[in-house]
């Protein structure tokens, strides 16, 4: 194991005494806070091929001795390939852990790559057994010192990847592909999966667009609802608002020769996990970033295909920073323009109130009751070289824009540069924006209490790259991959 070095006094072979411990690496990619200041962590040891559920406190989330611990070896399929553990138990990109009262829900996707578990290290073929692409484990943590496995359920549908905060190939949204409301877990399929791979070549759609898992009986979770796929219709990320899960989808405009689409907000009430109820879809201007039921405010991002004259690829890149294509035969630059829209929900329509169009690539938008924060990457290229021209390379650090929602016209009040080209807006709370940078791993809090004068509240070095974080009781708890868990007071 690379996790720790421990020394023992073995003067008495029958009763060795531990003397000291030095922590080396503690791999945690997924966590969930619960109860009275506890945090549940999925801890992995990639050399020993083991995993466990550790219960610690938010005050000391990386302590050597956890409050409670449970070995998760029983959850691992018994295959002996050396890569199986790393890619499957628990692949951080396809694992979520949620808290609900005295219970924790751990849901993860298994891998189907044949070289990972169809043969042993000696090359002997392992007989294929019934497998489930997704599995759900329920734990009782009513006693944090003694967590117990309540049930382990195989699910027949695929588990999507984490959306992350980079918005590379997706429409711009907030939320994730898997969310939890009480004893309901809602899962949305990956937007860009390959039907020919997942349907077994039979032309059927195995994984639905969305499915709901009812965990109201912890000993026997069941899938209570599925939403079938419709060709040409694509759903976005999921938000939780009270008992509702809110999402948006787009579909082709009938008869439009240019491939235009219409966006719709769609809500599903999961207050009764055994009988989820959809509300009527609402046409909105773009993919959903925020729906505030208290203020009836909707924030969305729209997309417009544009053209402009250009003589070279460089000219085309200078026009816009993302989704460009230069037609050198016609000297035309094709590019995608993104706009942030603020609308008012009247009960049956969304009335557009303000639009902001940006030259760069809108990656993330986060909102609170009083602020909209926008993360804009200005340049397509994140690397530059000295071409000998003597001209200074452009500042490629992304911009953070702030829109106060208590203003009459929703103007952008201030724009500031983030600290590095690899900084991302990840969350917002109150008048503050939370930004994570990867070089070096850093958490930055921006204070927009005075929206025309945004200030940083300082930068906190993280022990490693942040893969999962929660904001709880005024503190940030971050799972820092190979370097354990860290609690930061902004």
Protein backbone atom coordinates (compact mmCIF):
# COMPACT_ATOMS: atom_id res chain seq x y z
CA UNK A 1 0.00 0.00 0.00
CA UNK A 2 1.06 3.59 -0.63
CA UNK A 3 -1.38 4.95 1.93
CA UNK A 4 0.78 4.98 5.04
CA UNK A 5 3.87 3.69 6.81
CA UNK A 6 3.36 2.31 10.31
CA UNK A 7 5.92 1.22 12.89
CA UNK A 8 5.30 -1.47 15.49
CA UNK A 9 7.00 -2.75 18.62
CA UNK A 10 7.13 -6.52 18.11
CA UNK A 11 8.91 -7.41 21.32
CA UNK A 12 5.81 -9.44 21.99
CA UNK A 13 5.06 -11.28 18.76
CA UNK A 14 1.61 -12.20 20.02
CA UNK A 15 0.76 -8.61 20.94
CA UNK A 16 2.52 -6.11 18.64
CA UNK A 17 2.08 -2.46 19.59
CA UNK A 18 1.71 0.27 16.96
CA UNK A 19 4.13 3.10 17.63
CA UNK A 20 3.50 5.68 14.93
CA UNK A 21 1.94 6.32 11.53
CA UNK A 22 3.05 8.48 8.62
CA UNK A 23 0.42 9.20 5.98
CA UNK A 24 1.69 9.07 2.39
CA UNK A 25 -1.22 9.07 -0.04
CA UNK A 26 -4.92 8.66 0.60
CA UNK A 27 -7.02 8.40 -2.56
CA UNK A 28 -10.46 9.97 -2.17
CA UNK A 29 -12.45 11.09 -5.20
CA UNK A 30 -16.02 11.02 -3.83
CA UNK A 31 -17.55 12.26 -0.59
CA UNK A 32 -20.85 13.28 1.03
CA UNK A 33 -21.47 15.25 4.21
CA UNK A 34 -24.22 14.08 6.55
CA UNK A 35 -25.58 14.21 10.08
CA UNK A 36 -23.98 16.37 12.72
CA UNK A 37 -20.74 17.33 11.02
CA UNK A 38 -19.76 13.99 9.47
CA UNK A 39 -18.32 13.28 6.04
CA UNK A 40 -18.48 9.92 4.25
CA UNK A 41 -15.49 9.19 2.00
CA UNK A 42 -14.85 6.45 -0.54
CA UNK A 43 -11.18 5.61 0.07
CA UNK A 44 -9.24 3.55 -2.45
CA UNK A 45 -5.92 1.76 -2.24
CA UNK A 46 -4.84 1.11 -5.81
CA UNK A 47 -1.94 -1.19 -4.88
CA UNK A 48 -3.81 -3.38 -2.44
CA UNK A 49 -6.91 -3.43 -4.69
CA UNK A 50 -9.13 -2.55 -1.76
CA UNK A 51 -11.70 0.10 -1.02
CA UNK A 52 -13.55 1.17 2.07
CA UNK A 53 -16.15 3.59 3.34
CA UNK A 54 -14.59 5.85 5.96
CA UNK A 55 -16.61 8.12 8.24
CA UNK A 56 -14.76 11.18 9.50
CA UNK A 57 -15.68 14.66 10.69
CA UNK A 58 -15.83 17.85 8.65
CA UNK A 59 -13.48 19.36 11.24
CA UNK A 60 -10.82 16.72 10.56
CA UNK A 61 -11.71 14.98 7.28
CA UNK A 62 -8.27 13.48 6.69
CA UNK A 63 -7.62 12.04 10.14
CA UNK A 64 -5.50 8.93 10.42
CA UNK A 65 -8.14 7.17 12.50
CA UNK A 66 -11.69 7.45 11.12
CA UNK A 67 -14.76 7.64 13.31
CA UNK A 68 -15.98 4.50 11.58
CA UNK A 69 -14.97 2.36 8.61
CA UNK A 70 -16.38 -0.42 6.45
CA UNK A 71 -14.45 -2.65 4.06
CA UNK A 72 -16.04 -2.60 0.59
CA UNK A 73 -14.33 -5.73 -0.73
CA UNK A 74 -17.70 -7.46 -0.98
CA UNK A 75 -18.75 -4.94 -3.65
CA UNK A 76 -15.87 -5.76 -5.98
CA UNK A 77 -16.40 -8.34 -8.71
CA UNK A 78 -14.00 -11.28 -8.12
CA UNK A 79 -11.84 -10.86 -11.20
CA UNK A 80 -8.08 -10.88 -11.00
CA UNK A 81 -6.99 -8.53 -13.73
CA UNK A 82 -4.61 -5.88 -12.32
CA UNK A 83 -6.40 -2.99 -14.02
CA UNK A 84 -9.88 -3.96 -12.95
CA UNK A 85 -9.79 -2.15 -9.63
CA UNK A 86 -8.39 1.08 -10.99
CA UNK A 87 -10.95 1.45 -13.74
CA UNK A 88 -13.97 0.13 -11.93
CA UNK A 89 -14.04 0.22 -8.15
CA UNK A 90 -14.68 3.02 -7.94
CA UNK A 91 -14.08 4.92 -11.16
CA UNK A 92 -14.35 8.47 -9.85
CA UNK A 93 -15.98 9.72 -13.04
CA UNK A 94 -18.84 7.24 -12.74
CA UNK A 95 -19.37 7.14 -8.97
CA UNK A 96 -21.66 9.22 -6.75
CA UNK A 97 -22.38 9.10 -3.04
CA UNK A 98 -25.44 10.75 -1.49
CA UNK A 99 -26.71 11.19 2.07
CA UNK A 100 -30.34 10.88 3.17
CA UNK A 101 -30.98 10.88 6.90
CA UNK A 102 -29.45 7.75 8.40
CA UNK A 103 -28.57 6.30 5.00
CA UNK A 104 -25.88 6.70 2.37
CA UNK A 105 -26.43 5.79 -1.28
CA UNK A 106 -23.37 4.75 -3.28
CA UNK A 107 -24.05 4.33 -7.00
CA UNK A 108 -21.40 3.52 -9.59
CA UNK A 109 -20.90 2.22 -13.10
CA UNK A 110 -19.00 -0.95 -13.92
CA UNK A 111 -16.72 -1.23 -16.92
CA UNK A 112 -17.40 -3.39 -19.95
CA UNK A 113 -13.91 -3.38 -21.43
CA UNK A 114 -13.17 -7.05 -22.07
CA UNK A 115 -9.46 -6.77 -21.33
CA UNK A 116 -10.26 -5.61 -17.83
CA UNK A 117 -12.06 -8.66 -16.57
CA UNK A 118 -12.68 -11.40 -19.08
CA UNK A 119 -9.29 -13.04 -18.43
CA UNK A 120 -6.92 -13.62 -15.54
CA UNK A 121 -3.32 -12.40 -15.52
CA UNK A 122 -2.33 -15.82 -16.89
CA UNK A 123 -4.69 -15.37 -19.83
CA UNK A 124 -7.30 -17.87 -18.64
CA UNK A 125 -10.78 -16.88 -19.77
CA UNK A 126 -13.12 -16.09 -16.90
CA UNK A 127 -16.61 -17.56 -17.40
CA UNK A 128 -19.03 -14.75 -18.08
CA UNK A 129 -21.63 -14.31 -15.39
CA UNK A 130 -24.67 -12.10 -15.20
CA UNK A 131 -23.42 -8.56 -14.76
CA UNK A 132 -25.07 -5.22 -14.18
CA UNK A 133 -23.64 -2.04 -15.73
CA UNK A 134 -24.65 -0.02 -12.65
CA UNK A 135 -24.87 -0.99 -9.01
CA UNK A 136 -26.31 0.72 -5.95
CA UNK A 137 -25.21 0.08 -2.36
CA UNK A 138 -27.19 1.42 0.60
CA UNK A 139 -25.48 1.90 3.97
CA UNK A 140 -26.95 2.54 7.41
CA UNK A 141 -24.90 5.24 9.16
CA UNK A 142 -27.23 5.88 12.08
CA UNK A 143 -24.20 4.90 14.16
CA UNK A 144 -21.28 6.67 12.42
CA UNK A 145 -18.84 4.47 14.32
CA UNK A 146 -20.30 1.32 12.79
CA UNK A 147 -21.60 1.81 9.22
CA UNK A 148 -23.44 -1.23 7.83
CA UNK A 149 -24.23 -2.41 4.31
CA UNK A 150 -28.02 -2.67 4.00
CA UNK A 151 -28.42 -3.73 0.37
CA UNK A 152 -26.59 -4.15 -2.93
CA UNK A 153 -28.71 -3.84 -6.07
CA UNK A 154 -27.77 -4.37 -9.70
CA UNK A 155 -29.33 -1.96 -12.20
CA UNK A 156 -29.76 -2.80 -15.90
CA UNK A 157 -28.97 0.69 -17.24
CA UNK A 158 -25.69 2.50 -17.77
CA UNK A 159 -24.21 4.98 -15.33
CA UNK A 160 -23.20 8.31 -16.90
CA UNK A 161 -19.94 10.14 -16.44
CA UNK A 162 -19.60 13.18 -14.24
CA UNK A 163 -20.22 16.37 -16.16
CA UNK A 164 -17.34 18.13 -14.45
CA UNK A 165 -16.95 21.89 -14.72
CA UNK A 166 -15.35 22.26 -18.12
CA UNK A 167 -18.39 21.98 -20.43
CA UNK A 168 -16.26 20.78 -23.33
CA UNK A 169 -18.79 19.05 -25.52
CA UNK A 170 -22.04 19.77 -23.75
CA UNK A 171 -24.51 22.57 -23.82
CA UNK A 172 -23.90 24.97 -20.93
CA UNK A 173 -25.83 23.98 -17.82
CA UNK A 174 -25.49 23.69 -14.08
CA UNK A 175 -26.09 20.46 -12.20
CA UNK A 176 -25.01 16.90 -12.93
CA UNK A 177 -26.13 13.74 -14.69
CA UNK A 178 -27.03 12.05 -11.38
CA UNK A 179 -28.88 13.81 -8.54
CA UNK A 180 -30.72 12.82 -5.38
CA UNK A 181 -33.86 14.19 -3.73
CA UNK A 182 -34.71 12.41 -0.49
CA UNK A 183 -35.05 8.70 -1.27
CA UNK A 184 -35.15 9.25 -5.04
CA UNK A 185 -32.08 9.09 -7.29
CA UNK A 186 -32.50 10.45 -10.81
CA UNK A 187 -30.04 9.40 -13.52
CA UNK A 188 -29.72 10.93 -17.00
CA UNK A 189 -27.83 9.05 -19.68
CA UNK A 190 -24.65 10.42 -21.18
CA UNK A 191 -25.59 12.85 -23.94
CA UNK A 192 -22.93 11.60 -26.33
CA UNK A 193 -22.93 7.86 -25.87
CA UNK A 194 -22.80 5.57 -28.90
CA UNK A 195 -26.02 3.73 -29.61
CA UNK A 196 -24.27 1.09 -31.71
CA UNK A 197 -22.12 0.20 -28.69
CA UNK A 198 -24.76 0.24 -26.01
CA UNK A 199 -27.54 -1.46 -27.91
CA UNK A 200 -25.58 -4.66 -28.56
CA UNK A 201 -25.98 -4.20 -32.30
CA UNK A 202 -29.67 -5.09 -32.15
CA UNK A 203 -31.00 -1.61 -32.83
CA UNK A 204 -32.69 -1.31 -29.44
CA UNK A 205 -32.04 1.43 -26.92
CA UNK A 206 -30.92 -0.22 -23.69
CA UNK A 207 -30.41 2.87 -21.54
CA UNK A 208 -33.38 5.26 -21.39
CA UNK A 209 -33.03 9.02 -21.53
CA UNK A 210 -33.61 9.20 -17.80
CA UNK A 211 -34.51 6.81 -15.01
CA UNK A 212 -35.61 7.18 -11.38
CA UNK A 213 -34.52 4.85 -8.57
CA UNK A 214 -36.85 4.55 -5.58
CA UNK A 215 -34.83 3.91 -2.42
CA UNK A 216 -37.68 4.49 0.03
CA UNK A 217 -37.24 0.84 1.06
CA UNK A 218 -33.47 0.77 1.69
CA UNK A 219 -33.39 -3.02 1.64
CA UNK A 220 -34.94 -3.21 -1.83
CA UNK A 221 -34.34 -0.24 -4.18
CA UNK A 222 -36.24 -0.40 -7.47
CA UNK A 223 -36.39 1.55 -10.73
CA UNK A 224 -39.75 3.28 -10.56
CA UNK A 225 -39.73 5.29 -13.79
CA UNK A 226 -37.98 5.49 -17.15
CA UNK A 227 -38.17 8.15 -19.85
CA UNK A 228 -37.69 6.67 -23.30
CA UNK A 229 -35.31 8.23 -25.77
CA UNK A 230 -36.67 10.12 -28.74
CA UNK A 231 -34.48 10.54 -31.78
CA UNK A 232 -33.19 14.09 -32.07
CA UNK A 233 -34.18 15.02 -28.50
CA UNK A 234 -31.31 15.59 -26.05
CA UNK A 235 -31.67 16.28 -22.34
CA UNK A 236 -29.21 18.31 -20.31
CA UNK A 237 -27.97 18.26 -16.73
CA UNK A 238 -30.23 17.87 -13.71
CA UNK A 239 -30.90 20.45 -10.98
CA UNK A 240 -32.74 19.84 -7.70
CA UNK A 241 -35.31 22.36 -6.52
CA UNK A 242 -37.32 21.20 -3.52
CA UNK A 243 -39.11 18.00 -4.51
CA UNK A 244 -38.52 18.71 -8.20
CA UNK A 245 -35.69 17.70 -10.48
CA UNK A 246 -35.37 20.33 -13.20
CA UNK A 247 -33.71 19.84 -16.57
CA UNK A 248 -33.95 21.10 -20.13
CA UNK A 249 -33.92 19.46 -23.53
CA UNK A 250 -33.71 20.52 -27.13
CA UNK A 251 -35.45 19.14 -30.19
CA UNK A 252 -35.33 20.01 -33.90
CA UNK A 253 -37.64 22.71 -35.17
CA UNK A 254 -39.97 20.96 -37.64
CA UNK A 255 -39.21 21.90 -41.23
CA UNK A 256 -36.30 24.20 -40.43
CA UNK A 257 -33.67 23.71 -43.19
CA UNK A 258 -30.82 25.13 -41.09
CA UNK A 259 -31.07 22.64 -38.25
CA UNK A 260 -32.46 25.05 -35.65
CA UNK A 261 -33.66 23.58 -32.36
CA UNK A 262 -36.04 24.67 -29.62
CA UNK A 263 -35.24 24.37 -25.91
CA UNK A 264 -37.67 23.39 -23.19
CA UNK A 265 -37.49 23.34 -19.40
CA UNK A 266 -38.88 20.10 -17.98
CA UNK A 267 -39.62 19.33 -14.32
CA UNK A 268 -40.32 16.02 -12.63
CA UNK A 269 -41.81 15.84 -9.13
CA UNK A 270 -40.19 13.00 -7.15
CA UNK A 271 -41.83 13.71 -3.78
CA UNK A 272 -43.28 10.21 -4.18
CA UNK A 273 -40.30 8.24 -5.53
CA UNK A 274 -42.57 5.35 -6.46
CA UNK A 275 -44.66 7.54 -8.74
CA UNK A 276 -42.71 10.46 -10.28
CA UNK A 277 -44.85 13.02 -12.11
CA UNK A 278 -43.73 15.18 -15.03
CA UNK A 279 -44.98 18.74 -15.43
CA UNK A 280 -45.68 20.21 -18.85
CA UNK A 281 -42.52 21.35 -20.69
CA UNK A 282 -41.91 25.09 -21.02
CA UNK A 283 -40.24 26.71 -24.04
CA UNK A 284 -37.20 28.71 -22.87
CA UNK A 285 -34.42 30.60 -24.72
CA UNK A 286 -31.59 28.08 -24.44
CA UNK A 287 -30.27 25.36 -22.14
CA UNK A 288 -31.22 25.73 -18.49
CA UNK A 289 -28.70 27.10 -16.00
CA UNK A 290 -31.05 28.14 -13.22
CA UNK A 291 -34.70 28.04 -12.25
CA UNK A 292 -35.58 29.85 -9.02
CA UNK A 293 -39.13 28.92 -7.92
CA UNK A 294 -39.10 31.71 -5.30
CA UNK A 295 -38.45 34.52 -7.79
CA UNK A 296 -39.70 32.72 -10.95
CA UNK A 297 -36.41 33.63 -12.60
CA UNK A 298 -34.91 31.47 -15.35
CA UNK A 299 -31.30 31.78 -16.55
CA UNK A 300 -30.35 29.98 -19.76
CA UNK A 301 -27.68 29.91 -22.47
CA UNK A 302 -28.59 30.08 -26.15
CA UNK A 303 -26.54 29.21 -29.24
CA UNK A 304 -26.46 30.85 -32.66
CA UNK A 305 -24.59 29.76 -35.77
CA UNK A 306 -22.91 32.80 -37.33
CA UNK A 307 -20.77 33.55 -40.39
CA UNK A 308 -18.23 36.26 -41.13
CA UNK A 309 -15.64 37.04 -43.80
CA UNK A 310 -12.13 35.74 -43.09
CA UNK A 311 -9.01 35.27 -45.20
CA UNK A 312 -7.22 32.69 -43.01
CA UNK A 313 -7.77 30.28 -40.14
CA UNK A 314 -6.10 32.81 -37.85
CA UNK A 315 -8.63 35.44 -38.92
CA UNK A 316 -11.41 32.99 -38.14
CA UNK A 317 -10.03 32.25 -34.67
CA UNK A 318 -9.76 35.99 -34.05
CA UNK A 319 -13.49 36.39 -34.72
CA UNK A 320 -14.60 33.85 -32.15
CA UNK A 321 -12.94 31.53 -29.70
CA UNK A 322 -14.81 28.27 -30.07
CA UNK A 323 -16.66 26.00 -32.48
CA UNK A 324 -15.07 27.58 -35.56
CA UNK A 325 -14.76 26.31 -39.09
CA UNK A 326 -13.01 28.20 -41.89
CA UNK A 327 -14.22 27.62 -45.44
CA UNK A 328 -11.08 28.57 -47.36
CA UNK A 329 -12.83 28.19 -50.72
CA UNK A 330 -15.40 30.85 -49.85
CA UNK A 331 -13.31 32.86 -47.32
CA UNK A 332 -16.08 32.41 -44.77
CA UNK A 333 -15.69 31.76 -41.05
CA UNK A 334 -18.45 29.72 -39.42
CA UNK A 335 -18.64 30.00 -35.64
CA UNK A 336 -20.92 29.49 -32.66
CA UNK A 337 -22.08 32.48 -30.64
CA UNK A 338 -23.36 31.96 -27.10
CA UNK A 339 -25.60 34.28 -25.13
CA UNK A 340 -26.77 34.31 -21.51
CA UNK A 341 -30.49 35.02 -21.14
CA UNK A 342 -32.52 36.05 -18.10
CA UNK A 343 -36.26 35.36 -18.26
CA UNK A 344 -39.30 35.62 -16.00
CA UNK A 345 -41.55 32.59 -15.52
CA UNK A 346 -45.23 33.56 -15.57
CA UNK A 347 -46.64 30.11 -14.93
CA UNK A 348 -47.11 29.08 -18.54
CA UNK A 349 -44.52 31.11 -20.47
CA UNK A 350 -40.97 32.41 -20.10
CA UNK A 351 -40.70 36.14 -20.87
CA UNK A 352 -37.20 37.17 -21.98
CA UNK A 353 -35.93 40.17 -19.99
CA UNK A 354 -32.23 40.51 -20.88
CA UNK A 355 -29.66 38.96 -23.21
CA UNK A 356 -25.87 39.20 -22.96
CA UNK A 357 -23.82 38.03 -25.95
CA UNK A 358 -20.15 37.12 -25.52
CA UNK A 359 -17.23 36.96 -27.93
CA UNK A 360 -15.57 34.08 -26.09
CA UNK A 361 -16.52 30.61 -25.01
CA UNK A 362 -19.07 30.54 -22.18
CA UNK A 363 -18.06 27.52 -20.12
CA UNK A 364 -19.95 27.78 -16.84
CA UNK A 365 -22.74 29.89 -15.42
CA UNK A 366 -23.66 29.76 -11.73
CA UNK A 367 -26.38 31.71 -9.97
CA UNK A 368 -27.58 32.57 -6.49
CA UNK A 369 -30.63 34.51 -5.37
CA UNK A 370 -28.72 37.75 -5.92
CA UNK A 371 -25.97 37.16 -8.49
CA UNK A 372 -25.22 35.56 -11.85
CA UNK A 373 -21.57 34.55 -12.36
CA UNK A 374 -20.30 33.78 -15.87
CA UNK A 375 -17.04 32.03 -16.76
CA UNK A 376 -15.77 33.10 -20.21
CA UNK A 377 -12.69 31.68 -21.93
CA UNK A 378 -11.50 34.22 -24.48
CA UNK A 379 -9.05 32.15 -26.50
CA UNK A 380 -9.37 28.89 -28.41
CA UNK A 381 -5.73 28.04 -27.81
CA UNK A 382 -4.45 27.68 -24.27
CA UNK A 383 -0.84 27.55 -25.34
CA UNK A 384 1.22 30.06 -27.26
CA UNK A 385 4.72 30.30 -28.61
CA UNK A 386 7.04 33.15 -29.53
CA UNK A 387 6.67 33.67 -33.27
CA UNK A 388 9.35 36.35 -33.36
CA UNK A 389 6.91 39.11 -34.22
CA UNK A 390 7.62 41.01 -31.03
CA UNK A 391 3.91 41.19 -30.30
CA UNK A 392 2.81 40.31 -26.80
CA UNK A 393 0.78 37.13 -26.51
CA UNK A 394 -2.81 37.69 -25.40
CA UNK A 395 -3.89 37.21 -21.81
CA UNK A 396 -5.50 33.78 -21.94
CA UNK A 397 -6.81 33.72 -18.37
CA UNK A 398 -10.60 33.37 -18.33
CA UNK A 399 -12.91 36.17 -17.27
CA UNK A 400 -15.41 36.07 -14.41
CA UNK A 401 -18.42 38.31 -15.10
CA UNK A 402 -20.93 39.38 -12.43
CA UNK A 403 -24.57 40.36 -12.98
CA UNK A 404 -26.50 41.62 -9.92
CA UNK A 405 -30.05 40.28 -9.98
CA UNK A 406 -31.38 43.10 -7.81
CA UNK A 407 -30.69 45.62 -10.58
CA UNK A 408 -33.34 46.95 -12.92
CA UNK A 409 -31.64 46.03 -16.18
CA UNK A 410 -29.34 43.08 -15.32
CA UNK A 411 -26.19 44.81 -16.59
CA UNK A 412 -22.76 43.22 -16.15
CA UNK A 413 -21.40 45.10 -13.15
CA UNK A 414 -17.79 43.88 -13.19
CA UNK A 415 -15.42 41.48 -14.95
CA UNK A 416 -12.19 40.16 -13.44
CA UNK A 417 -9.44 37.82 -14.62
CA UNK A 418 -9.16 34.45 -12.94
CA UNK A 419 -5.66 33.52 -11.70
CA UNK A 420 -4.64 31.03 -14.41
CA UNK A 421 -5.74 29.71 -17.83
CA UNK A 422 -6.84 26.52 -16.09
CA UNK A 423 -9.22 28.12 -13.60
CA UNK A 424 -12.93 27.24 -13.62
CA UNK A 425 -16.05 28.57 -11.99
CA UNK A 426 -17.47 25.62 -10.05
CA UNK A 427 -20.08 26.97 -7.61
CA UNK A 428 -21.68 30.09 -6.15
CA UNK A 429 -23.22 30.96 -2.79
CA UNK A 430 -24.71 34.23 -1.58
CA UNK A 431 -22.67 37.01 -3.18
CA UNK A 432 -19.67 34.75 -3.73
CA UNK A 433 -18.23 32.70 -6.59
CA UNK A 434 -16.11 29.62 -6.00
CA UNK A 435 -13.30 29.04 -8.53
CA UNK A 436 -10.89 26.10 -8.73
CA UNK A 437 -7.56 26.32 -10.55
CA UNK A 438 -5.42 23.34 -11.55
CA UNK A 439 -1.99 25.00 -11.78
CA UNK A 440 -1.34 24.71 -8.90
CA UNK A 441 -4.48 23.20 -7.35
CA UNK A 442 -6.10 26.21 -5.71
CA UNK A 443 -9.49 27.29 -4.39
CA UNK A 444 -10.33 30.97 -4.90
CA UNK A 445 -13.38 32.73 -3.45
CA UNK A 446 -14.56 35.93 -5.15
CA UNK A 447 -16.66 38.36 -3.12
CA UNK A 448 -19.23 40.28 -5.18
CA UNK A 449 -21.07 41.93 -2.29
CA UNK A 450 -20.20 45.14 -4.16
CA UNK A 451 -20.94 43.86 -7.68
CA UNK A 452 -19.07 46.71 -9.36
CA UNK A 453 -15.93 45.95 -7.35
CA UNK A 454 -15.37 42.21 -7.16
CA UNK A 455 -12.61 41.20 -4.75
CA UNK A 456 -10.91 37.90 -3.94
CA UNK A 457 -11.06 36.62 -0.39
CA UNK A 458 -7.70 34.98 -0.89
CA UNK A 459 -6.43 31.78 -2.46
CA UNK A 460 -6.14 28.46 -0.64
CA UNK A 461 -3.73 25.85 -1.92
CA UNK A 462 -5.40 22.45 -2.18
CA UNK A 463 -3.51 19.30 -1.29
CA UNK A 464 -4.40 17.89 -4.73
CA UNK A 465 -6.77 18.24 -7.67
CA UNK A 466 -10.36 18.68 -6.51
CA UNK A 467 -12.71 15.98 -7.86
CA UNK A 468 -15.71 16.41 -5.57
CA UNK A 469 -16.61 19.21 -3.20
CA UNK A 470 -19.48 20.30 -0.99
CA UNK A 471 -20.28 23.63 0.61
CA UNK A 472 -21.66 23.00 4.10
CA UNK A 473 -22.09 25.26 7.13
CA UNK A 474 -19.94 27.98 5.61
CA UNK A 475 -17.07 25.61 4.79
CA UNK A 476 -15.85 23.86 1.65
CA UNK A 477 -15.06 20.15 1.88
CA UNK A 478 -12.98 18.96 -1.08
CA UNK A 479 -11.98 15.43 -2.16
CA UNK A 480 -8.46 15.97 -3.48
CA UNK A 481 -7.84 12.68 -5.31
CA UNK A 482 -4.56 11.06 -4.18
CA UNK A 483 -4.10 13.63 -1.44
CA UNK A 484 -7.09 12.99 0.79
CA UNK A 485 -9.81 15.39 1.91
CA UNK A 486 -9.50 19.01 2.95
CA UNK A 487 -11.85 21.43 4.72
CA UNK A 488 -11.46 25.10 3.85
CA UNK A 489 -13.05 28.07 5.61
CA UNK A 490 -13.53 30.71 2.87
